[in-house]
Protein backbone atom coordinates (compact mmCIF):
# COMPACT_ATOMS: atom_id res chain seq x y z
CA MET A 1 2.64 -5.25 -16.94
CA PRO A 2 0.85 -7.65 -19.48
CA THR A 3 1.34 -5.86 -23.17
CA ALA A 4 -1.71 -4.84 -25.12
CA ALA A 5 -1.25 -8.00 -27.49
CA GLU A 6 -1.20 -10.08 -24.22
CA ARG A 7 -4.02 -8.75 -22.57
CA ARG A 8 -6.20 -9.59 -25.86
CA GLY A 9 -4.52 -13.01 -25.56
CA ASP A 10 -2.11 -12.74 -28.13
CA PHE A 11 1.03 -14.13 -27.02
CA SER A 12 2.92 -14.51 -30.30
CA GLN A 13 5.52 -12.24 -29.26
CA THR A 14 6.26 -13.46 -25.72
CA GLU A 15 9.65 -15.11 -25.31
CA PHE A 16 11.04 -16.49 -22.08
CA GLU A 17 15.08 -16.51 -21.26
CA ILE A 18 16.94 -19.79 -20.69
CA ARG A 19 19.50 -17.47 -19.15
CA PRO A 20 20.16 -13.83 -18.53
CA GLY A 21 20.23 -12.35 -21.80
CA VAL A 22 19.59 -15.21 -23.94
CA SER A 23 16.10 -16.10 -25.58
CA GLY A 24 14.84 -19.60 -25.33
CA GLY A 25 12.10 -18.50 -28.20
CA ILE A 26 8.38 -17.47 -28.04
CA LEU A 27 6.88 -19.04 -24.87
CA PRO A 28 4.16 -21.61 -26.02
CA ILE A 29 0.65 -21.07 -24.12
CA TYR A 30 -1.23 -24.51 -23.89
CA ASP A 31 -4.79 -25.09 -23.98
CA PRO A 32 -5.84 -26.57 -20.85
CA TRP A 33 -8.76 -28.63 -22.51
CA THR A 34 -6.37 -30.18 -25.65
CA GLY A 35 -2.77 -30.21 -24.01
CA GLN A 36 -1.85 -28.72 -27.33
CA PRO A 37 -0.73 -25.29 -27.82
CA PHE A 38 -3.04 -22.35 -29.18
CA PRO A 39 -2.61 -22.05 -33.01
CA GLY A 40 -0.31 -18.93 -33.23
CA ASN A 41 0.27 -18.72 -29.81
CA VAL A 42 -2.94 -16.57 -29.47
CA ILE A 43 -6.10 -17.37 -26.91
CA PRO A 44 -9.09 -16.81 -28.44
CA LEU A 45 -11.18 -14.24 -27.01
CA GLU A 46 -13.77 -16.00 -25.93
CA ARG A 47 -11.77 -18.40 -23.83
CA LEU A 48 -10.20 -15.45 -21.90
CA ASP A 49 -11.96 -15.48 -18.57
CA PRO A 50 -14.12 -12.18 -18.44
CA VAL A 51 -12.98 -12.34 -14.43
CA ALA A 52 -9.25 -11.88 -15.40
CA LEU A 53 -10.31 -9.17 -18.34
CA LYS A 54 -11.86 -7.11 -15.56
CA ALA A 55 -9.28 -7.47 -13.15
CA LEU A 56 -6.58 -6.68 -16.22
CA GLY A 57 -8.55 -3.07 -16.42
CA PHE A 58 -7.13 -2.07 -12.73
CA LEU A 59 -3.76 -2.67 -14.63
CA PRO A 60 -1.85 0.27 -16.41
CA LEU A 61 -0.18 -0.24 -19.51
CA PRO A 62 3.48 -0.40 -20.22
CA ASN A 63 4.66 3.00 -20.37
CA ARG A 64 8.39 2.46 -21.33
CA GLN A 65 10.91 0.72 -22.73
CA PRO A 66 11.45 -2.79 -20.46
CA ASP A 67 14.81 -3.50 -18.37
CA ASN A 68 14.83 -6.87 -20.19
CA PRO A 69 13.59 -6.95 -23.68
CA ILE A 70 13.35 -10.60 -23.80
CA THR A 71 10.57 -11.07 -21.15
CA GLN A 72 9.25 -7.72 -21.15
CA ALA A 73 10.14 -7.46 -17.04
CA GLY A 74 10.28 -3.87 -15.94
CA ASN A 75 8.09 -2.02 -18.82
CA TRP A 76 6.29 0.30 -16.34
CA GLN A 77 7.63 3.00 -13.86
CA GLN A 78 6.16 5.62 -11.83
CA ASN A 79 6.51 7.19 -8.74
CA SER A 80 3.99 7.69 -5.94
CA VAL A 81 3.55 11.40 -4.62
CA ASP A 82 2.80 10.91 -0.94
CA VAL A 83 1.49 13.69 0.70
CA GLU A 84 1.31 13.38 4.23
CA THR A 85 -0.39 15.91 6.69
CA HIS A 86 -0.44 15.53 10.69
CA ASP A 87 -2.24 18.05 13.23
CA TYR A 88 -0.42 18.02 16.20
CA HIS A 89 -2.38 19.75 19.03
CA ILE A 90 -0.71 20.38 22.64
CA ILE A 91 -1.53 21.44 25.88
CA ARG A 92 1.01 22.04 28.59
CA LEU A 93 -0.17 23.81 32.10
CA ASP A 94 2.56 24.71 34.90
CA HIS A 95 1.65 25.71 38.35
CA ASP A 96 3.91 26.52 41.17
CA PHE A 97 2.28 25.83 44.41
CA THR A 98 5.28 27.45 46.20
CA LYS A 99 8.95 28.36 45.05
CA HIS A 100 9.62 24.80 46.12
CA THR A 101 6.73 22.44 44.83
CA THR A 102 5.65 22.67 41.26
CA ILE A 103 3.46 20.87 38.88
CA PHE A 104 3.15 20.07 35.08
CA GLY A 105 0.67 18.56 32.60
CA ARG A 106 1.10 17.92 28.99
CA TYR A 107 -1.68 16.37 26.67
CA MET A 108 -0.57 15.96 23.08
CA LEU A 109 -3.27 14.86 20.24
CA ILE A 110 -2.02 14.08 16.81
CA GLU A 111 -5.03 13.89 14.65
CA PRO A 112 -5.99 11.12 12.46
CA ASP A 113 -3.92 11.32 9.52
CA GLY A 114 -6.23 9.94 6.79
CA THR A 115 -3.21 8.95 4.43
CA LEU A 116 -3.22 7.33 1.34
CA LEU A 117 0.34 6.12 1.00
CA GLY A 118 2.14 4.25 -1.88
CA ALA A 119 -0.58 4.53 -4.79
CA SER A 120 0.74 5.38 -8.14
CA PRO A 121 -1.58 7.67 -10.30
CA ASP A 122 -1.90 4.84 -13.07
CA PHE A 123 -2.42 2.30 -10.68
CA GLY A 124 -4.71 3.59 -8.25
CA LEU A 125 -6.58 1.38 -6.20
CA ALA A 126 -5.13 -1.90 -7.37
CA ASP A 127 -1.55 -0.84 -6.59
CA PRO A 128 -0.44 -3.82 -4.11
CA ASP A 129 1.89 -1.00 -2.32
CA ALA A 130 -1.10 1.36 -1.56
CA ILE A 131 -2.13 1.47 1.89
CA ASP A 132 -4.85 3.34 3.84
CA ILE A 133 -3.45 4.80 7.23
CA LEU A 134 -5.44 6.09 10.11
CA ASN A 135 -3.50 6.66 13.00
CA ARG A 136 -4.46 8.42 16.03
CA ARG A 137 -1.70 9.08 18.83
CA GLN A 138 -2.35 10.60 22.45
CA ASN A 139 0.23 11.22 25.09
CA LEU A 140 -0.40 12.65 28.46
CA ALA A 141 2.57 13.51 31.08
CA ILE A 142 2.02 14.59 34.85
CA ASN A 143 5.36 15.68 36.58
CA PHE A 144 5.45 16.61 40.35
CA GLN A 145 8.46 18.22 41.96
CA HIS A 146 9.13 19.14 45.33
CA ILE A 147 12.68 20.69 46.85
CA PHE A 148 13.09 19.92 50.24
CA SER A 149 16.70 21.27 50.33
CA PRO A 150 19.57 22.16 47.91
CA LYS A 151 21.03 18.38 48.19
CA LEU A 152 17.23 16.74 48.39
CA ILE A 153 14.68 17.14 45.50
CA ALA A 154 11.68 14.45 44.76
CA ALA A 155 10.25 14.61 41.41
CA VAL A 156 7.58 12.21 40.58
CA THR A 157 6.73 11.80 36.57
CA VAL A 158 3.98 9.37 35.19
CA GLY A 159 2.69 9.31 31.91
CA GLY A 160 1.22 7.30 29.43
CA THR A 161 0.75 7.16 25.70
CA ARG A 162 -2.13 5.85 23.24
CA LEU A 163 -1.76 4.90 19.62
CA SER A 164 -4.69 3.71 17.60
CA ILE A 165 -3.67 2.19 14.30
CA HIS A 166 -5.86 1.24 11.50
CA ARG A 167 -4.36 0.31 8.33
CA GLN A 168 -6.07 -1.36 5.22
CA GLY A 169 -5.61 -1.68 1.55
CA ALA A 170 -6.52 1.35 -0.72
CA ALA A 171 -9.38 -0.54 -2.08
CA ALA A 172 -10.96 -1.72 1.27
CA GLY A 173 -14.64 -0.82 1.21
CA GLN A 174 -14.77 -1.00 -2.34
CA ASP A 175 -15.63 -4.51 -3.05
CA ILE A 176 -13.48 -4.75 -5.91
CA PRO A 177 -13.77 -8.78 -6.40
CA GLY A 178 -17.84 -8.34 -6.51
CA GLN A 179 -17.31 -5.77 -9.26
CA ILE A 180 -15.22 -7.75 -11.54
CA GLY A 181 -17.31 -11.09 -10.70
CA LEU A 182 -14.67 -12.47 -8.62
CA ARG A 183 -16.66 -15.11 -6.07
CA GLY A 184 -15.75 -16.50 -2.55
CA VAL A 185 -13.41 -13.64 -1.90
CA GLU A 186 -13.26 -11.37 0.88
CA PRO A 187 -14.66 -7.90 -0.27
CA ASP A 188 -11.77 -5.93 0.77
CA ALA A 189 -9.20 -8.74 -0.72
CA PHE A 190 -8.25 -6.56 -3.65
CA PRO A 191 -5.42 -5.98 -4.97
C-alpha cells in the first residue's frame, strides 16, 4: 500500500531494489512536463491528480512492517472473514403402486446465496478479491421401477439440474468511477 507520505506526493524516502536485499537508492520521480526530477522527490500537491487522490481513499494505510524494507512491499495484511449461508429445501415423494412397481420424485432448491466473498474490512468495496455471488441451484429427479421377476428389474431415472450463476465485483451498482470523477469507464469497473 502507498505510505501516508507517498499519498501526499512525498517520495523522498521511496527506494528501489537493484537486486534482492540491495537498495538502489531513492527512486527518482520525474516531472512529466519538464523531464526533470521533482525537487526533493516531492510532487507538489497542486500537481496530484484529484481522481487519483479520491481513488487512494479506497485503499487502506499500511498496517504492518513491510516484508521488504527497501520497497515497502507487503506493508499491509488483513484476513477476510467469509460467512456463507445456504438454505436447502428438499422434497421427496415416494409411492408404491404395487409391491412390484414404485416411483419417487425429488426436488431440491438451494436458495440464492447473496454472499460477499473475499472482502477485507479495511478494503471494503475496493478489495480486488471481493466478489458478490448470487447463485440459485435447482435439481429434479424422478425414478420409476418395476420388478418383473427376481431376475428382471426395469428402472428408469430422469433428472435435471438448473444452475443460475450471477457474480460481480463487490462495488457493482455503486458507480465508484463516477464518484471519484473517472470518466469514460463503465460504472461497475471498480476496483
